[in-house]
Amino acid sequence: MRAVREELGPEGRVRIDANGAWNVDEAERAVHALAEFDLEYIEQPCAAVEELAELRERIAYLDIAIAADESVRKADDPLRVARAGAADLLVIKAQPLGGVHAALDIVAQAGLPAVVSSALDTSIGLSMGVALAAALPELDYDCGLGTASLFLADVTASPLVARGGALPLERPRPSAAELDRVAADADRRDWWLDRLRRCYAALELTRG
């Protein structure tokens, strides 16, 4: 962390993400140890909403924000973390929350600032994140939508490319040639198709 701060300088924004790996005591010790590096926020330091709430109370005097990711994205009730006062901001991913409109509704109901982020998405998926970010009435934090740069290939002939630190608000279309180039083998294709069938069946049960 010291090396990161030295490389970025005082203006760089540094965030850490524990993916819910710490208990409250571990998280508190980590925050104390890293506070000198001027963290913008700490993402999902603990797994449980109750733990996040306790940690937030313990470190309130340090003025380091707590961001909730899995407590929103993987929760049966994505608003519980906000109602419990367990986070200062939400990390929002459009796809697992049901799309742009559903994600916007969660942010509005939570009443907390949001960071729009992505998983390892191609430009097709990232465009949803860009649309979500553009639709938010306020966007106080930089987005985490640069993951296409980690890929050797994309599924569109016109990948989303950041210009001056910003991604364009575009709707890329998949390219048949690029899809063929990165196609999965038959076993993996069958695995995904089976998963889609199971997900669709679960959604039908939920709607019914």
N, C-alpha and C. Protein backbone atom coordinates (compact mmCIF):
# COMPACT_ATOMS: atom_id res chain seq x y z
N MET A 1 0.83 -1.20 0.00
CA MET A 1 0.00 0.00 0.00
C MET A 1 0.86 1.26 0.00
N ARG A 2 1.96 1.18 0.71
CA ARG A 2 2.88 2.31 0.73
C ARG A 2 3.43 2.58 -0.67
N ALA A 3 3.77 1.50 -1.38
CA ALA A 3 4.29 1.65 -2.74
C ALA A 3 3.24 2.23 -3.68
N VAL A 4 2.00 1.82 -3.50
CA VAL A 4 0.91 2.35 -4.33
C VAL A 4 0.74 3.84 -4.09
N ARG A 5 0.71 4.24 -2.83
CA ARG A 5 0.55 5.66 -2.51
C ARG A 5 1.71 6.48 -3.06
N GLU A 6 2.92 5.97 -2.94
CA GLU A 6 4.09 6.69 -3.46
C GLU A 6 4.01 6.83 -4.98
N GLU A 7 3.52 5.78 -5.65
CA GLU A 7 3.42 5.82 -7.10
C GLU A 7 2.35 6.79 -7.57
N LEU A 8 1.21 6.81 -6.88
CA LEU A 8 0.09 7.66 -7.30
C LEU A 8 0.23 9.10 -6.82
N GLY A 9 0.98 9.30 -5.76
CA GLY A 9 1.11 10.64 -5.21
C GLY A 9 -0.09 11.01 -4.37
N PRO A 10 -0.09 12.21 -3.81
CA PRO A 10 -1.17 12.60 -2.88
C PRO A 10 -2.53 12.73 -3.54
N GLU A 11 -2.57 12.92 -4.86
CA GLU A 11 -3.86 13.11 -5.53
C GLU A 11 -4.53 11.79 -5.92
N GLY A 12 -3.76 10.70 -5.91
CA GLY A 12 -4.33 9.41 -6.31
C GLY A 12 -5.38 8.92 -5.34
N ARG A 13 -6.40 8.28 -5.85
CA ARG A 13 -7.47 7.73 -5.01
C ARG A 13 -7.23 6.24 -4.81
N VAL A 14 -7.07 5.84 -3.57
CA VAL A 14 -6.73 4.46 -3.24
C VAL A 14 -7.90 3.80 -2.53
N ARG A 15 -8.31 2.65 -3.06
CA ARG A 15 -9.39 1.89 -2.46
C ARG A 15 -8.87 0.48 -2.18
N ILE A 16 -9.38 -0.15 -1.15
CA ILE A 16 -9.05 -1.55 -0.91
C ILE A 16 -10.33 -2.36 -0.82
N ASP A 17 -10.24 -3.63 -1.20
CA ASP A 17 -11.40 -4.51 -1.25
C ASP A 17 -11.03 -5.84 -0.60
N ALA A 18 -11.68 -6.16 0.51
CA ALA A 18 -11.39 -7.41 1.22
C ALA A 18 -12.35 -8.53 0.83
N ASN A 19 -13.37 -8.23 0.02
CA ASN A 19 -14.34 -9.25 -0.41
C ASN A 19 -14.93 -10.02 0.77
N GLY A 20 -15.14 -9.32 1.87
CA GLY A 20 -15.80 -9.93 3.03
C GLY A 20 -14.95 -10.92 3.79
N ALA A 21 -13.63 -10.85 3.64
CA ALA A 21 -12.75 -11.88 4.21
C ALA A 21 -12.45 -11.69 5.69
N TRP A 22 -12.67 -10.50 6.25
CA TRP A 22 -12.25 -10.22 7.62
C TRP A 22 -13.43 -10.28 8.59
N ASN A 23 -13.12 -10.62 9.85
CA ASN A 23 -14.12 -10.38 10.89
C ASN A 23 -13.94 -8.94 11.36
N VAL A 24 -14.74 -8.51 12.30
CA VAL A 24 -14.74 -7.10 12.69
C VAL A 24 -13.39 -6.68 13.26
N ASP A 25 -12.82 -7.50 14.12
CA ASP A 25 -11.53 -7.15 14.73
C ASP A 25 -10.42 -7.07 13.69
N GLU A 26 -10.39 -8.04 12.78
CA GLU A 26 -9.38 -8.02 11.72
C GLU A 26 -9.53 -6.79 10.85
N ALA A 27 -10.77 -6.47 10.51
CA ALA A 27 -11.02 -5.30 9.68
C ALA A 27 -10.59 -4.02 10.38
N GLU A 28 -10.89 -3.92 11.66
CA GLU A 28 -10.51 -2.72 12.41
C GLU A 28 -9.00 -2.56 12.45
N ARG A 29 -8.29 -3.67 12.68
CA ARG A 29 -6.83 -3.59 12.69
C ARG A 29 -6.29 -3.18 11.32
N ALA A 30 -6.88 -3.72 10.26
CA ALA A 30 -6.43 -3.39 8.91
C ALA A 30 -6.65 -1.92 8.60
N VAL A 31 -7.81 -1.41 8.98
CA VAL A 31 -8.10 0.00 8.73
C VAL A 31 -7.12 0.90 9.49
N HIS A 32 -6.83 0.56 10.71
CA HIS A 32 -5.86 1.35 11.49
C HIS A 32 -4.49 1.31 10.82
N ALA A 33 -4.09 0.13 10.36
CA ALA A 33 -2.77 -0.02 9.76
C ALA A 33 -2.65 0.74 8.44
N LEU A 34 -3.76 0.87 7.72
CA LEU A 34 -3.73 1.47 6.39
C LEU A 34 -4.23 2.92 6.35
N ALA A 35 -4.71 3.42 7.47
CA ALA A 35 -5.29 4.77 7.50
C ALA A 35 -4.32 5.83 7.05
N GLU A 36 -3.03 5.64 7.31
CA GLU A 36 -2.05 6.66 6.95
C GLU A 36 -1.93 6.87 5.44
N PHE A 37 -2.46 5.93 4.65
CA PHE A 37 -2.33 6.03 3.21
C PHE A 37 -3.53 6.72 2.55
N ASP A 38 -4.38 7.34 3.36
CA ASP A 38 -5.48 8.17 2.87
C ASP A 38 -6.39 7.38 1.92
N LEU A 39 -7.05 6.38 2.48
CA LEU A 39 -7.95 5.54 1.69
C LEU A 39 -9.22 6.31 1.32
N GLU A 40 -9.66 6.14 0.08
CA GLU A 40 -10.94 6.74 -0.31
C GLU A 40 -12.08 5.96 0.33
N TYR A 41 -12.00 4.65 0.28
CA TYR A 41 -12.94 3.81 1.01
C TYR A 41 -12.40 2.39 1.08
N ILE A 42 -13.01 1.60 1.96
CA ILE A 42 -12.71 0.18 2.08
C ILE A 42 -13.95 -0.60 1.68
N GLU A 43 -13.79 -1.48 0.70
CA GLU A 43 -14.94 -2.19 0.14
C GLU A 43 -15.14 -3.55 0.79
N GLN A 44 -16.36 -3.79 1.22
CA GLN A 44 -16.80 -5.06 1.81
C GLN A 44 -15.74 -5.68 2.71
N PRO A 45 -15.35 -4.96 3.78
CA PRO A 45 -14.35 -5.52 4.69
C PRO A 45 -14.82 -6.78 5.40
N CYS A 46 -16.12 -6.86 5.71
CA CYS A 46 -16.69 -8.02 6.41
C CYS A 46 -17.87 -8.55 5.59
N ALA A 47 -18.21 -9.79 5.82
CA ALA A 47 -19.26 -10.41 5.01
C ALA A 47 -20.68 -10.04 5.46
N ALA A 48 -20.91 -10.03 6.76
CA ALA A 48 -22.27 -9.85 7.28
C ALA A 48 -22.61 -8.37 7.45
N VAL A 49 -23.87 -8.05 7.22
CA VAL A 49 -24.34 -6.68 7.38
C VAL A 49 -24.12 -6.20 8.81
N GLU A 50 -24.38 -7.07 9.79
CA GLU A 50 -24.20 -6.70 11.19
C GLU A 50 -22.74 -6.36 11.48
N GLU A 51 -21.82 -7.09 10.88
CA GLU A 51 -20.40 -6.82 11.07
C GLU A 51 -20.02 -5.47 10.45
N LEU A 52 -20.54 -5.20 9.27
CA LEU A 52 -20.26 -3.90 8.63
C LEU A 52 -20.75 -2.75 9.50
N ALA A 53 -21.93 -2.91 10.06
CA ALA A 53 -22.50 -1.86 10.91
C ALA A 53 -21.63 -1.63 12.14
N GLU A 54 -21.16 -2.72 12.76
CA GLU A 54 -20.32 -2.59 13.94
C GLU A 54 -18.98 -1.94 13.59
N LEU A 55 -18.39 -2.38 12.49
CA LEU A 55 -17.11 -1.79 12.06
C LEU A 55 -17.27 -0.31 11.76
N ARG A 56 -18.33 0.03 11.08
CA ARG A 56 -18.55 1.44 10.72
C ARG A 56 -18.63 2.30 11.98
N GLU A 57 -19.26 1.77 13.01
CA GLU A 57 -19.35 2.51 14.28
C GLU A 57 -17.98 2.63 14.94
N ARG A 58 -17.20 1.56 14.88
CA ARG A 58 -15.88 1.56 15.53
C ARG A 58 -14.90 2.55 14.88
N ILE A 59 -14.97 2.67 13.54
CA ILE A 59 -13.96 3.48 12.84
C ILE A 59 -14.51 4.83 12.39
N ALA A 60 -15.66 5.21 12.91
CA ALA A 60 -16.29 6.46 12.46
C ALA A 60 -15.36 7.66 12.61
N TYR A 61 -14.56 7.67 13.68
CA TYR A 61 -13.70 8.83 13.94
C TYR A 61 -12.55 8.95 12.93
N LEU A 62 -12.28 7.88 12.18
CA LEU A 62 -11.20 7.91 11.20
C LEU A 62 -11.63 8.52 9.86
N ASP A 63 -12.92 8.68 9.67
CA ASP A 63 -13.46 9.27 8.44
C ASP A 63 -13.03 8.48 7.20
N ILE A 64 -13.10 7.16 7.30
CA ILE A 64 -12.85 6.28 6.15
C ILE A 64 -14.16 5.58 5.81
N ALA A 65 -14.61 5.78 4.60
CA ALA A 65 -15.92 5.26 4.20
C ALA A 65 -15.88 3.75 4.02
N ILE A 66 -17.02 3.12 4.28
CA ILE A 66 -17.21 1.69 4.02
C ILE A 66 -18.17 1.55 2.84
N ALA A 67 -17.74 0.76 1.86
CA ALA A 67 -18.57 0.50 0.68
C ALA A 67 -19.08 -0.93 0.74
N ALA A 68 -20.33 -1.14 0.37
CA ALA A 68 -20.92 -2.47 0.35
C ALA A 68 -21.06 -2.94 -1.09
N ASP A 69 -20.55 -4.14 -1.35
CA ASP A 69 -20.66 -4.74 -2.68
C ASP A 69 -21.48 -6.03 -2.58
N GLU A 70 -20.86 -7.09 -2.07
CA GLU A 70 -21.57 -8.37 -1.95
C GLU A 70 -22.83 -8.26 -1.10
N SER A 71 -22.84 -7.35 -0.13
CA SER A 71 -24.03 -7.18 0.73
C SER A 71 -25.20 -6.59 -0.04
N VAL A 72 -24.93 -6.09 -1.24
CA VAL A 72 -25.99 -5.61 -2.13
C VAL A 72 -26.20 -6.63 -3.25
N ARG A 73 -25.11 -6.97 -3.92
CA ARG A 73 -25.18 -7.79 -5.14
C ARG A 73 -25.64 -9.22 -4.88
N LYS A 74 -25.25 -9.80 -3.75
CA LYS A 74 -25.58 -11.20 -3.49
C LYS A 74 -26.66 -11.36 -2.43
N ALA A 75 -27.26 -10.27 -2.03
CA ALA A 75 -28.22 -10.32 -0.92
C ALA A 75 -29.64 -10.57 -1.42
N ASP A 76 -30.41 -11.29 -0.61
CA ASP A 76 -31.84 -11.44 -0.91
C ASP A 76 -32.54 -10.09 -0.84
N ASP A 77 -32.05 -9.24 0.07
CA ASP A 77 -32.60 -7.89 0.25
C ASP A 77 -31.46 -6.89 0.06
N PRO A 78 -31.29 -6.35 -1.15
CA PRO A 78 -30.16 -5.45 -1.41
C PRO A 78 -30.22 -4.13 -0.65
N LEU A 79 -31.36 -3.82 -0.04
CA LEU A 79 -31.50 -2.56 0.69
C LEU A 79 -31.24 -2.71 2.18
N ARG A 80 -31.05 -3.93 2.64
CA ARG A 80 -30.86 -4.16 4.07
C ARG A 80 -29.63 -3.44 4.60
N VAL A 81 -28.56 -3.42 3.83
CA VAL A 81 -27.33 -2.79 4.29
C VAL A 81 -27.53 -1.29 4.50
N ALA A 82 -28.35 -0.68 3.65
CA ALA A 82 -28.63 0.75 3.80
C ALA A 82 -29.51 1.00 5.02
N ARG A 83 -30.53 0.18 5.20
CA ARG A 83 -31.43 0.36 6.35
C ARG A 83 -30.69 0.18 7.67
N ALA A 84 -29.68 -0.70 7.67
CA ALA A 84 -28.92 -0.97 8.89
C ALA A 84 -27.85 0.08 9.16
N GLY A 85 -27.69 1.04 8.27
CA GLY A 85 -26.64 2.04 8.44
C GLY A 85 -25.26 1.42 8.42
N ALA A 86 -25.10 0.36 7.60
CA ALA A 86 -23.87 -0.43 7.62
C ALA A 86 -22.86 -0.02 6.55
N ALA A 87 -23.20 0.97 5.73
CA ALA A 87 -22.28 1.39 4.66
C ALA A 87 -22.48 2.87 4.36
N ASP A 88 -21.42 3.46 3.84
CA ASP A 88 -21.48 4.86 3.42
C ASP A 88 -21.80 5.01 1.94
N LEU A 89 -21.54 3.97 1.18
CA LEU A 89 -21.83 3.98 -0.25
C LEU A 89 -22.02 2.56 -0.74
N LEU A 90 -22.59 2.44 -1.92
CA LEU A 90 -22.87 1.13 -2.51
C LEU A 90 -22.05 0.95 -3.78
N VAL A 91 -21.54 -0.25 -3.97
CA VAL A 91 -20.91 -0.62 -5.24
C VAL A 91 -21.97 -1.36 -6.05
N ILE A 92 -22.30 -0.80 -7.20
CA ILE A 92 -23.44 -1.28 -7.97
C ILE A 92 -22.98 -1.87 -9.29
N LYS A 93 -23.43 -3.10 -9.56
CA LYS A 93 -23.17 -3.76 -10.85
C LYS A 93 -24.52 -4.03 -11.50
N ALA A 94 -24.69 -3.57 -12.72
CA ALA A 94 -26.00 -3.62 -13.36
C ALA A 94 -26.51 -5.04 -13.58
N GLN A 95 -25.67 -5.91 -14.12
CA GLN A 95 -26.14 -7.23 -14.53
C GLN A 95 -26.68 -8.07 -13.36
N PRO A 96 -25.91 -8.28 -12.29
CA PRO A 96 -26.44 -9.14 -11.22
C PRO A 96 -27.61 -8.54 -10.46
N LEU A 97 -27.83 -7.24 -10.61
CA LEU A 97 -28.95 -6.61 -9.92
C LEU A 97 -30.20 -6.53 -10.79
N GLY A 98 -30.13 -7.08 -11.99
CA GLY A 98 -31.32 -7.15 -12.83
C GLY A 98 -31.39 -6.12 -13.93
N GLY A 99 -30.30 -5.43 -14.21
CA GLY A 99 -30.29 -4.45 -15.29
C GLY A 99 -30.22 -3.02 -14.79
N VAL A 100 -30.17 -2.11 -15.74
CA VAL A 100 -29.97 -0.70 -15.43
C VAL A 100 -31.12 -0.13 -14.60
N HIS A 101 -32.35 -0.39 -15.01
CA HIS A 101 -33.50 0.20 -14.30
C HIS A 101 -33.61 -0.34 -12.87
N ALA A 102 -33.38 -1.65 -12.70
CA ALA A 102 -33.44 -2.23 -11.36
C ALA A 102 -32.34 -1.65 -10.48
N ALA A 103 -31.16 -1.49 -11.04
CA ALA A 103 -30.05 -0.94 -10.26
C ALA A 103 -30.31 0.51 -9.86
N LEU A 104 -30.86 1.28 -10.78
CA LEU A 104 -31.22 2.67 -10.48
C LEU A 104 -32.23 2.74 -9.34
N ASP A 105 -33.17 1.82 -9.34
CA ASP A 105 -34.20 1.80 -8.30
C ASP A 105 -33.58 1.48 -6.94
N ILE A 106 -32.63 0.56 -6.91
CA ILE A 106 -31.95 0.21 -5.66
C ILE A 106 -31.19 1.41 -5.12
N VAL A 107 -30.47 2.10 -5.98
CA VAL A 107 -29.71 3.28 -5.55
C VAL A 107 -30.66 4.35 -5.01
N ALA A 108 -31.76 4.57 -5.72
CA ALA A 108 -32.72 5.60 -5.28
C ALA A 108 -33.32 5.25 -3.93
N GLN A 109 -33.68 4.00 -3.73
CA GLN A 109 -34.29 3.60 -2.46
C GLN A 109 -33.27 3.60 -1.32
N ALA A 110 -32.03 3.24 -1.63
CA ALA A 110 -31.00 3.21 -0.59
C ALA A 110 -30.65 4.60 -0.11
N GLY A 111 -30.68 5.58 -1.00
CA GLY A 111 -30.35 6.94 -0.61
C GLY A 111 -28.88 7.14 -0.28
N LEU A 112 -28.02 6.31 -0.86
CA LEU A 112 -26.59 6.40 -0.63
C LEU A 112 -25.86 6.65 -1.94
N PRO A 113 -24.68 7.27 -1.89
CA PRO A 113 -23.88 7.42 -3.11
C PRO A 113 -23.54 6.05 -3.68
N ALA A 114 -23.30 6.01 -4.98
CA ALA A 114 -23.02 4.73 -5.64
C ALA A 114 -21.76 4.80 -6.48
N VAL A 115 -21.04 3.69 -6.48
CA VAL A 115 -19.92 3.48 -7.39
C VAL A 115 -20.39 2.44 -8.40
N VAL A 116 -20.38 2.77 -9.67
CA VAL A 116 -20.77 1.81 -10.70
C VAL A 116 -19.54 1.01 -11.08
N SER A 117 -19.67 -0.31 -10.98
CA SER A 117 -18.52 -1.17 -11.22
C SER A 117 -18.94 -2.32 -12.13
N SER A 118 -17.96 -3.17 -12.44
CA SER A 118 -18.22 -4.30 -13.33
C SER A 118 -17.42 -5.49 -12.85
N ALA A 119 -17.78 -6.64 -13.37
CA ALA A 119 -16.94 -7.81 -13.21
C ALA A 119 -16.03 -7.84 -14.44
N LEU A 120 -15.57 -9.01 -14.82
CA LEU A 120 -14.75 -9.11 -16.03
C LEU A 120 -15.68 -9.17 -17.24
N ASP A 121 -16.18 -8.00 -17.62
CA ASP A 121 -17.15 -7.89 -18.71
C ASP A 121 -16.48 -7.47 -20.01
N THR A 122 -17.05 -7.95 -21.10
CA THR A 122 -16.65 -7.44 -22.41
C THR A 122 -17.28 -6.06 -22.61
N SER A 123 -17.05 -5.47 -23.75
CA SER A 123 -17.62 -4.15 -24.03
C SER A 123 -19.15 -4.17 -24.03
N ILE A 124 -19.75 -5.33 -24.36
CA ILE A 124 -21.21 -5.43 -24.34
C ILE A 124 -21.72 -5.23 -22.92
N GLY A 125 -21.12 -5.92 -21.97
CA GLY A 125 -21.54 -5.78 -20.58
C GLY A 125 -21.18 -4.43 -20.00
N LEU A 126 -19.98 -3.94 -20.35
CA LEU A 126 -19.55 -2.64 -19.81
C LEU A 126 -20.47 -1.51 -20.26
N SER A 127 -21.04 -1.64 -21.45
CA SER A 127 -21.93 -0.57 -21.93
C SER A 127 -23.15 -0.41 -21.02
N MET A 128 -23.58 -1.50 -20.37
CA MET A 128 -24.67 -1.39 -19.40
C MET A 128 -24.24 -0.58 -18.19
N GLY A 129 -22.99 -0.82 -17.76
CA GLY A 129 -22.47 -0.04 -16.64
C GLY A 129 -22.34 1.43 -16.98
N VAL A 130 -21.91 1.72 -18.20
CA VAL A 130 -21.80 3.12 -18.63
C VAL A 130 -23.19 3.77 -18.66
N ALA A 131 -24.17 3.03 -19.17
CA ALA A 131 -25.54 3.56 -19.21
C ALA A 131 -26.06 3.83 -17.80
N LEU A 132 -25.77 2.93 -16.88
CA LEU A 132 -26.19 3.11 -15.49
C LEU A 132 -25.53 4.34 -14.88
N ALA A 133 -24.23 4.47 -15.09
CA ALA A 133 -23.50 5.64 -14.55
C ALA A 133 -24.05 6.94 -15.11
N ALA A 134 -24.35 6.93 -16.41
CA ALA A 134 -24.86 8.14 -17.05
C ALA A 134 -26.26 8.51 -16.55
N ALA A 135 -27.00 7.51 -16.09
CA ALA A 135 -28.38 7.76 -15.65
C ALA A 135 -28.49 8.17 -14.19
N LEU A 136 -27.43 7.97 -13.41
CA LEU A 136 -27.49 8.34 -12.01
C LEU A 136 -27.53 9.87 -11.87
N PRO A 137 -28.37 10.39 -11.00
CA PRO A 137 -28.44 11.85 -10.84
C PRO A 137 -27.16 12.45 -10.28
N GLU A 138 -26.42 11.66 -9.50
CA GLU A 138 -25.13 12.11 -8.96
C GLU A 138 -24.14 10.96 -9.09
N LEU A 139 -22.91 11.31 -9.41
CA LEU A 139 -21.86 10.31 -9.55
C LEU A 139 -20.59 10.88 -8.90
N ASP A 140 -20.51 10.68 -7.59
CA ASP A 140 -19.44 11.31 -6.81
C ASP A 140 -18.14 10.53 -6.83
N TYR A 141 -18.20 9.27 -7.26
CA TYR A 141 -17.02 8.42 -7.23
C TYR A 141 -16.70 7.91 -8.63
N ASP A 142 -15.40 7.76 -8.90
CA ASP A 142 -14.99 7.19 -10.18
C ASP A 142 -15.51 5.78 -10.32
N CYS A 143 -15.90 5.42 -11.54
CA CYS A 143 -16.45 4.09 -11.80
C CYS A 143 -15.33 3.06 -11.94
N GLY A 144 -15.71 1.81 -11.75
CA GLY A 144 -14.78 0.71 -11.97
C GLY A 144 -15.18 -0.07 -13.20
N LEU A 145 -15.05 0.56 -14.36
CA LEU A 145 -15.54 -0.02 -15.61
C LEU A 145 -14.43 -0.21 -16.64
N GLY A 146 -13.21 -0.38 -16.17
CA GLY A 146 -12.09 -0.51 -17.11
C GLY A 146 -11.63 -1.93 -17.34
N THR A 147 -12.48 -2.91 -17.06
CA THR A 147 -12.01 -4.29 -17.09
C THR A 147 -11.78 -4.85 -18.50
N ALA A 148 -12.32 -4.22 -19.53
CA ALA A 148 -12.08 -4.71 -20.89
C ALA A 148 -10.60 -4.65 -21.24
N SER A 149 -9.87 -3.76 -20.59
CA SER A 149 -8.44 -3.63 -20.86
C SER A 149 -7.66 -4.85 -20.39
N LEU A 150 -8.29 -5.71 -19.57
CA LEU A 150 -7.63 -6.92 -19.09
C LEU A 150 -7.75 -8.07 -20.08
N PHE A 151 -8.57 -7.90 -21.12
CA PHE A 151 -8.78 -8.96 -22.10
C PHE A 151 -7.83 -8.84 -23.28
N LEU A 152 -7.49 -9.99 -23.86
CA LEU A 152 -6.71 -10.00 -25.10
C LEU A 152 -7.61 -9.81 -26.31
N ALA A 153 -8.90 -10.09 -26.15
CA ALA A 153 -9.85 -9.94 -27.25
C ALA A 153 -11.19 -9.54 -26.68
N ASP A 154 -12.05 -9.01 -27.54
CA ASP A 154 -13.40 -8.63 -27.16
C ASP A 154 -14.37 -9.33 -28.08
N VAL A 155 -15.66 -9.13 -27.87
CA VAL A 155 -16.66 -9.79 -28.72
C VAL A 155 -17.29 -8.81 -29.70
N THR A 156 -16.73 -7.64 -29.79
CA THR A 156 -17.22 -6.63 -30.71
C THR A 156 -16.05 -6.08 -31.51
N ALA A 157 -16.35 -5.64 -32.72
CA ALA A 157 -15.29 -5.07 -33.57
C ALA A 157 -14.93 -3.66 -33.12
N SER A 158 -15.77 -3.04 -32.28
CA SER A 158 -15.52 -1.67 -31.80
C SER A 158 -15.57 -1.65 -30.28
N PRO A 159 -14.52 -2.13 -29.61
CA PRO A 159 -14.53 -2.19 -28.15
C PRO A 159 -14.65 -0.80 -27.52
N LEU A 160 -15.23 -0.76 -26.33
CA LEU A 160 -15.29 0.50 -25.58
C LEU A 160 -13.89 0.84 -25.10
N VAL A 161 -13.41 1.98 -25.51
CA VAL A 161 -12.07 2.41 -25.15
C VAL A 161 -12.17 3.73 -24.40
N ALA A 162 -11.49 3.80 -23.26
CA ALA A 162 -11.52 5.02 -22.45
C ALA A 162 -10.75 6.14 -23.15
N ARG A 163 -11.34 7.32 -23.12
CA ARG A 163 -10.68 8.51 -23.67
C ARG A 163 -10.60 9.54 -22.57
N GLY A 164 -9.39 9.86 -22.17
CA GLY A 164 -9.21 10.80 -21.07
C GLY A 164 -9.82 10.33 -19.78
N GLY A 165 -9.79 9.02 -19.56
CA GLY A 165 -10.34 8.47 -18.32
C GLY A 165 -11.84 8.27 -18.34
N ALA A 166 -12.49 8.48 -19.47
CA ALA A 166 -13.95 8.33 -19.56
C ALA A 166 -14.31 7.36 -20.68
N LEU A 167 -15.35 6.58 -20.45
CA LEU A 167 -15.85 5.67 -21.48
C LEU A 167 -17.02 6.32 -22.20
N PRO A 168 -17.12 6.14 -23.51
CA PRO A 168 -18.23 6.74 -24.26
C PRO A 168 -19.55 6.02 -23.98
N LEU A 169 -20.63 6.77 -24.07
CA LEU A 169 -21.97 6.21 -23.90
C LEU A 169 -22.40 5.65 -25.26
N GLU A 170 -22.05 4.39 -25.49
CA GLU A 170 -22.34 3.73 -26.76
C GLU A 170 -22.96 2.36 -26.50
N ARG A 171 -23.55 1.81 -27.54
CA ARG A 171 -24.14 0.46 -27.46
C ARG A 171 -23.42 -0.45 -28.45
N PRO A 172 -22.31 -1.05 -28.05
CA PRO A 172 -21.57 -1.91 -28.98
C PRO A 172 -22.41 -3.12 -29.38
N ARG A 173 -22.19 -3.58 -30.59
CA ARG A 173 -22.87 -4.77 -31.09
C ARG A 173 -21.87 -5.91 -31.22
N PRO A 174 -22.29 -7.13 -30.88
CA PRO A 174 -21.36 -8.24 -31.03
C PRO A 174 -21.03 -8.50 -32.49
N SER A 175 -19.83 -8.95 -32.72
CA SER A 175 -19.35 -9.26 -34.06
C SER A 175 -19.29 -10.77 -34.23
N ALA A 176 -19.87 -11.27 -35.31
CA ALA A 176 -19.86 -12.72 -35.55
C ALA A 176 -18.43 -13.24 -35.64
N ALA A 177 -17.58 -12.49 -36.28
CA ALA A 177 -16.19 -12.93 -36.43
C ALA A 177 -15.48 -12.98 -35.08
N GLU A 178 -15.70 -11.97 -34.23
CA GLU A 178 -15.06 -11.96 -32.93
C GLU A 178 -15.63 -13.05 -32.02
N LEU A 179 -16.93 -13.28 -32.14
CA LEU A 179 -17.55 -14.35 -31.35
C LEU A 179 -16.97 -15.71 -31.73
N ASP A 180 -16.78 -15.93 -33.02
CA ASP A 180 -16.17 -17.19 -33.47
C ASP A 180 -14.74 -17.33 -32.94
N ARG A 181 -14.04 -16.21 -32.89
CA ARG A 181 -12.64 -16.24 -32.50
C ARG A 181 -12.46 -16.63 -31.03
N VAL A 182 -13.43 -16.25 -30.20
CA VAL A 182 -13.31 -16.54 -28.76
C VAL A 182 -14.31 -17.60 -28.29
N ALA A 183 -14.85 -18.36 -29.23
CA ALA A 183 -15.88 -19.35 -28.90
C ALA A 183 -15.33 -20.41 -27.93
N ALA A 184 -16.17 -20.81 -27.02
CA ALA A 184 -15.81 -21.87 -26.07
C ALA A 184 -15.89 -23.22 -26.77
N ASP A 185 -15.23 -24.22 -26.19
CA ASP A 185 -15.34 -25.55 -26.76
C ASP A 185 -16.73 -26.11 -26.48
N ALA A 186 -17.04 -27.25 -27.08
CA ALA A 186 -18.40 -27.79 -27.02
C ALA A 186 -18.83 -28.10 -25.59
N ASP A 187 -17.93 -28.66 -24.78
CA ASP A 187 -18.29 -29.00 -23.40
C ASP A 187 -18.63 -27.75 -22.60
N ARG A 188 -17.82 -26.69 -22.77
CA ARG A 188 -18.07 -25.46 -22.03
C ARG A 188 -19.35 -24.79 -22.51
N ARG A 189 -19.59 -24.85 -23.82
CA ARG A 189 -20.83 -24.29 -24.37
C ARG A 189 -22.05 -25.00 -23.77
N ASP A 190 -21.99 -26.32 -23.69
CA ASP A 190 -23.11 -27.08 -23.12
C ASP A 190 -23.30 -26.74 -21.65
N TRP A 191 -22.17 -26.53 -20.93
CA TRP A 191 -22.25 -26.15 -19.51
C TRP A 191 -23.00 -24.84 -19.35
N TRP A 192 -22.69 -23.86 -20.18
CA TRP A 192 -23.34 -22.55 -20.09
C TRP A 192 -24.82 -22.64 -20.49
N LEU A 193 -25.11 -23.39 -21.53
CA LEU A 193 -26.51 -23.53 -21.94
C LEU A 193 -27.33 -24.19 -20.85
N ASP A 194 -26.76 -25.20 -20.19
CA ASP A 194 -27.47 -25.85 -19.10
C ASP A 194 -27.69 -24.88 -17.95
N ARG A 195 -26.69 -24.06 -17.66
CA ARG A 195 -26.84 -23.07 -16.59
C ARG A 195 -27.93 -22.06 -16.93
N LEU A 196 -27.97 -21.61 -18.17
CA LEU A 196 -29.00 -20.67 -18.59
C LEU A 196 -30.40 -21.28 -18.45
N ARG A 197 -30.53 -22.56 -18.80
CA ARG A 197 -31.83 -23.23 -18.66
C ARG A 197 -32.26 -23.27 -17.20
N ARG A 198 -31.30 -23.60 -16.31
CA ARG A 198 -31.62 -23.66 -14.87
C ARG A 198 -31.98 -22.28 -14.32
N CYS A 199 -31.24 -21.25 -14.76
CA CYS A 199 -31.55 -19.88 -14.31
C CYS A 199 -32.92 -19.44 -14.80
N TYR A 200 -33.22 -19.76 -16.06
CA TYR A 200 -34.52 -19.38 -16.62
C TYR A 200 -35.65 -20.07 -15.86
N ALA A 201 -35.45 -21.35 -15.54
CA ALA A 201 -36.47 -22.08 -14.79
C ALA A 201 -36.67 -21.47 -13.40
N ALA A 202 -35.56 -21.06 -12.76
CA ALA A 202 -35.67 -20.43 -11.44
C ALA A 202 -36.41 -19.11 -11.53
N LEU A 203 -36.14 -18.33 -12.58
CA LEU A 203 -36.85 -17.07 -12.74
C LEU A 203 -38.32 -17.28 -13.00
N GLU A 204 -38.65 -18.29 -13.76
CA GLU A 204 -40.06 -18.59 -14.02
C GLU A 204 -40.78 -18.97 -12.73
N LEU A 205 -40.10 -19.74 -11.87
CA LEU A 205 -40.71 -20.11 -10.58
C LEU A 205 -40.92 -18.88 -9.72
N THR A 206 -39.95 -17.96 -9.73
CA THR A 206 -40.06 -16.74 -8.94
C THR A 206 -41.23 -15.89 -9.42
N ARG A 207 -41.36 -15.78 -10.74
CA ARG A 207 -42.45 -14.97 -11.30
C ARG A 207 -43.79 -15.60 -11.06
N GLY A 208 -43.81 -16.95 -11.07
CA GLY A 208 -45.08 -17.64 -10.86
C GLY A 208 -45.56 -17.54 -9.44
